[in-house]
Amino acid sequence: MTDRYLSVDQVAELLGTSVRFPRRLVEERRIRYVKVGRHVRIPASALEEFIASRTVEPLRRPRTRYRRAA
């Protein structure tokens, strides 16, 4: 068990969002979480997976040899 468990407040701070956003992710079951009594904890690996699955890579356009004329 080397995974670190984060509170909803910590996840919101790491994502740079309000506390409402991670709570909504948990409510909609869009991220893994653990309930410890009445507390919700999100594994750091689940947060990394969530970010990785939502990361959009930039499109690479082939370079044209000639630029457009003005």
N, C-alpha and C. Protein backbone atom coordinates (compact mmCIF):
# COMPACT_ATOMS: atom_id res chain seq x y z
N MET A 1 0.82 -1.18 0.00
CA MET A 1 0.00 0.00 0.00
C MET A 1 0.88 1.25 0.00
N THR A 2 1.40 1.61 -1.13
CA THR A 2 2.25 2.79 -1.21
C THR A 2 1.50 3.99 -1.78
N ASP A 3 0.23 3.81 -2.11
CA ASP A 3 -0.56 4.89 -2.69
C ASP A 3 -0.95 5.90 -1.61
N ARG A 4 -0.85 7.15 -1.93
CA ARG A 4 -1.22 8.22 -1.00
C ARG A 4 -2.69 8.58 -1.23
N TYR A 5 -3.44 8.75 -0.17
CA TYR A 5 -4.85 9.08 -0.26
C TYR A 5 -5.06 10.55 0.04
N LEU A 6 -5.73 11.24 -0.87
CA LEU A 6 -5.93 12.68 -0.77
C LEU A 6 -7.37 13.01 -0.40
N SER A 7 -7.53 14.07 0.36
CA SER A 7 -8.88 14.53 0.68
C SER A 7 -9.43 15.30 -0.52
N VAL A 8 -10.71 15.56 -0.50
CA VAL A 8 -11.36 16.30 -1.58
C VAL A 8 -10.75 17.71 -1.67
N ASP A 9 -10.46 18.32 -0.53
CA ASP A 9 -9.85 19.65 -0.51
C ASP A 9 -8.46 19.63 -1.17
N GLN A 10 -7.68 18.59 -0.88
CA GLN A 10 -6.35 18.49 -1.48
C GLN A 10 -6.43 18.29 -2.98
N VAL A 11 -7.38 17.48 -3.44
CA VAL A 11 -7.56 17.25 -4.88
C VAL A 11 -7.96 18.55 -5.57
N ALA A 12 -8.86 19.29 -4.95
CA ALA A 12 -9.29 20.57 -5.53
C ALA A 12 -8.11 21.53 -5.64
N GLU A 13 -7.27 21.55 -4.63
CA GLU A 13 -6.10 22.44 -4.66
C GLU A 13 -5.13 22.02 -5.76
N LEU A 14 -4.88 20.71 -5.90
CA LEU A 14 -3.97 20.22 -6.93
C LEU A 14 -4.50 20.51 -8.34
N LEU A 15 -5.81 20.40 -8.52
CA LEU A 15 -6.40 20.66 -9.83
C LEU A 15 -6.63 22.14 -10.09
N GLY A 16 -6.56 22.93 -9.05
CA GLY A 16 -6.80 24.36 -9.21
C GLY A 16 -8.27 24.68 -9.42
N THR A 17 -9.14 23.91 -8.78
CA THR A 17 -10.58 24.10 -8.92
C THR A 17 -11.20 24.31 -7.55
N SER A 18 -12.51 24.52 -7.56
CA SER A 18 -13.22 24.60 -6.29
C SER A 18 -13.43 23.18 -5.76
N VAL A 19 -13.85 23.07 -4.52
CA VAL A 19 -14.09 21.76 -3.89
C VAL A 19 -15.27 21.06 -4.56
N ARG A 20 -16.13 21.82 -5.15
CA ARG A 20 -17.32 21.26 -5.79
C ARG A 20 -16.99 20.32 -6.94
N PHE A 21 -15.92 20.63 -7.71
CA PHE A 21 -15.57 19.80 -8.86
C PHE A 21 -15.17 18.37 -8.47
N PRO A 22 -14.23 18.16 -7.53
CA PRO A 22 -13.92 16.77 -7.15
C PRO A 22 -15.10 16.06 -6.51
N ARG A 23 -15.93 16.80 -5.77
CA ARG A 23 -17.12 16.18 -5.20
C ARG A 23 -18.06 15.68 -6.29
N ARG A 24 -18.18 16.46 -7.35
CA ARG A 24 -19.02 16.05 -8.47
C ARG A 24 -18.43 14.83 -9.19
N LEU A 25 -17.10 14.78 -9.32
CA LEU A 25 -16.45 13.61 -9.93
C LEU A 25 -16.75 12.35 -9.13
N VAL A 26 -16.72 12.47 -7.81
CA VAL A 26 -17.00 11.33 -6.94
C VAL A 26 -18.47 10.95 -7.07
N GLU A 27 -19.36 11.94 -7.04
CA GLU A 27 -20.80 11.66 -7.10
C GLU A 27 -21.18 10.98 -8.41
N GLU A 28 -20.57 11.41 -9.51
CA GLU A 28 -20.85 10.83 -10.83
C GLU A 28 -20.01 9.59 -11.10
N ARG A 29 -19.18 9.20 -10.14
CA ARG A 29 -18.29 8.03 -10.24
C ARG A 29 -17.39 8.09 -11.47
N ARG A 30 -16.85 9.27 -11.71
CA ARG A 30 -15.93 9.46 -12.82
C ARG A 30 -14.48 9.32 -12.38
N ILE A 31 -14.27 9.12 -11.06
CA ILE A 31 -12.93 8.92 -10.51
C ILE A 31 -13.04 7.90 -9.38
N ARG A 32 -11.98 7.09 -9.22
CA ARG A 32 -11.98 6.10 -8.13
C ARG A 32 -11.83 6.82 -6.80
N TYR A 33 -12.48 6.28 -5.79
CA TYR A 33 -12.36 6.85 -4.45
C TYR A 33 -12.58 5.77 -3.41
N VAL A 34 -12.21 6.09 -2.17
CA VAL A 34 -12.33 5.17 -1.04
C VAL A 34 -13.11 5.91 0.04
N LYS A 35 -14.08 5.22 0.64
CA LYS A 35 -14.81 5.81 1.75
C LYS A 35 -14.24 5.25 3.05
N VAL A 36 -13.82 6.14 3.91
CA VAL A 36 -13.32 5.78 5.23
C VAL A 36 -14.30 6.39 6.22
N GLY A 37 -15.22 5.57 6.68
CA GLY A 37 -16.29 6.12 7.51
C GLY A 37 -17.15 7.03 6.64
N ARG A 38 -17.26 8.28 7.04
CA ARG A 38 -18.01 9.22 6.21
C ARG A 38 -17.09 10.11 5.39
N HIS A 39 -15.78 9.87 5.46
CA HIS A 39 -14.81 10.66 4.72
C HIS A 39 -14.53 10.01 3.37
N VAL A 40 -14.33 10.84 2.37
CA VAL A 40 -13.99 10.36 1.02
C VAL A 40 -12.52 10.67 0.77
N ARG A 41 -11.79 9.67 0.32
CA ARG A 41 -10.38 9.84 -0.01
C ARG A 41 -10.16 9.35 -1.45
N ILE A 42 -9.35 10.10 -2.16
CA ILE A 42 -9.07 9.77 -3.56
C ILE A 42 -7.60 9.37 -3.66
N PRO A 43 -7.32 8.15 -4.16
CA PRO A 43 -5.92 7.74 -4.31
C PRO A 43 -5.19 8.64 -5.31
N ALA A 44 -3.94 8.94 -5.04
CA ALA A 44 -3.14 9.78 -5.94
C ALA A 44 -3.06 9.15 -7.33
N SER A 45 -2.99 7.81 -7.39
CA SER A 45 -2.93 7.14 -8.69
C SER A 45 -4.22 7.33 -9.47
N ALA A 46 -5.36 7.41 -8.79
CA ALA A 46 -6.63 7.64 -9.47
C ALA A 46 -6.67 9.04 -10.06
N LEU A 47 -6.10 10.00 -9.34
CA LEU A 47 -6.04 11.37 -9.85
C LEU A 47 -5.14 11.44 -11.07
N GLU A 48 -4.00 10.74 -11.02
CA GLU A 48 -3.09 10.71 -12.17
C GLU A 48 -3.76 10.06 -13.38
N GLU A 49 -4.50 8.97 -13.17
CA GLU A 49 -5.22 8.31 -14.25
C GLU A 49 -6.27 9.23 -14.85
N PHE A 50 -7.00 9.95 -13.99
CA PHE A 50 -8.03 10.86 -14.46
C PHE A 50 -7.42 11.94 -15.34
N ILE A 51 -6.31 12.51 -14.89
CA ILE A 51 -5.65 13.57 -15.67
C ILE A 51 -5.12 13.02 -16.98
N ALA A 52 -4.50 11.84 -16.94
CA ALA A 52 -3.94 11.23 -18.16
C ALA A 52 -5.03 10.90 -19.18
N SER A 53 -6.17 10.43 -18.69
CA SER A 53 -7.24 10.06 -19.63
C SER A 53 -7.93 11.28 -20.24
N ARG A 54 -7.80 12.44 -19.60
CA ARG A 54 -8.43 13.66 -20.11
C ARG A 54 -7.45 14.58 -20.83
N THR A 55 -6.18 14.16 -20.94
CA THR A 55 -5.17 14.98 -21.59
C THR A 55 -5.34 14.89 -23.10
N VAL A 56 -5.37 16.04 -23.74
CA VAL A 56 -5.53 16.12 -25.19
C VAL A 56 -4.19 16.53 -25.79
N GLU A 57 -3.69 15.70 -26.67
CA GLU A 57 -2.42 15.99 -27.33
C GLU A 57 -2.66 16.97 -28.48
N PRO A 58 -1.70 17.86 -28.74
CA PRO A 58 -1.87 18.83 -29.83
C PRO A 58 -1.78 18.14 -31.19
N LEU A 59 -2.47 18.71 -32.15
CA LEU A 59 -2.41 18.19 -33.51
C LEU A 59 -1.12 18.66 -34.15
N ARG A 60 -0.52 17.78 -34.90
CA ARG A 60 0.70 18.15 -35.60
C ARG A 60 0.38 18.23 -37.08
N ARG A 61 0.44 19.41 -37.58
CA ARG A 61 0.20 19.60 -39.01
C ARG A 61 1.52 19.47 -39.75
N PRO A 62 1.48 18.84 -40.91
CA PRO A 62 2.72 18.75 -41.68
C PRO A 62 3.13 20.15 -42.14
N ARG A 63 4.39 20.41 -42.03
CA ARG A 63 4.88 21.73 -42.45
C ARG A 63 4.82 21.83 -43.95
N THR A 64 4.30 22.92 -44.41
CA THR A 64 4.29 23.13 -45.85
C THR A 64 5.60 23.78 -46.26
N ARG A 65 5.97 23.55 -47.46
CA ARG A 65 7.23 24.05 -47.93
C ARG A 65 7.15 25.55 -48.21
N TYR A 66 5.99 25.94 -48.67
CA TYR A 66 5.80 27.35 -49.03
C TYR A 66 4.76 27.97 -48.13
N ARG A 67 4.98 29.16 -47.72
CA ARG A 67 4.00 29.87 -46.92
C ARG A 67 3.02 30.57 -47.83
N ARG A 68 1.88 30.92 -47.27
CA ARG A 68 0.85 31.61 -48.05
C ARG A 68 1.30 33.01 -48.41
N ALA A 69 0.87 33.44 -49.55
CA ALA A 69 1.16 34.81 -49.97
C ALA A 69 0.16 35.74 -49.32
N ALA A 70 0.58 36.94 -49.03
CA ALA A 70 -0.29 37.90 -48.35
C ALA A 70 -1.34 38.48 -49.23
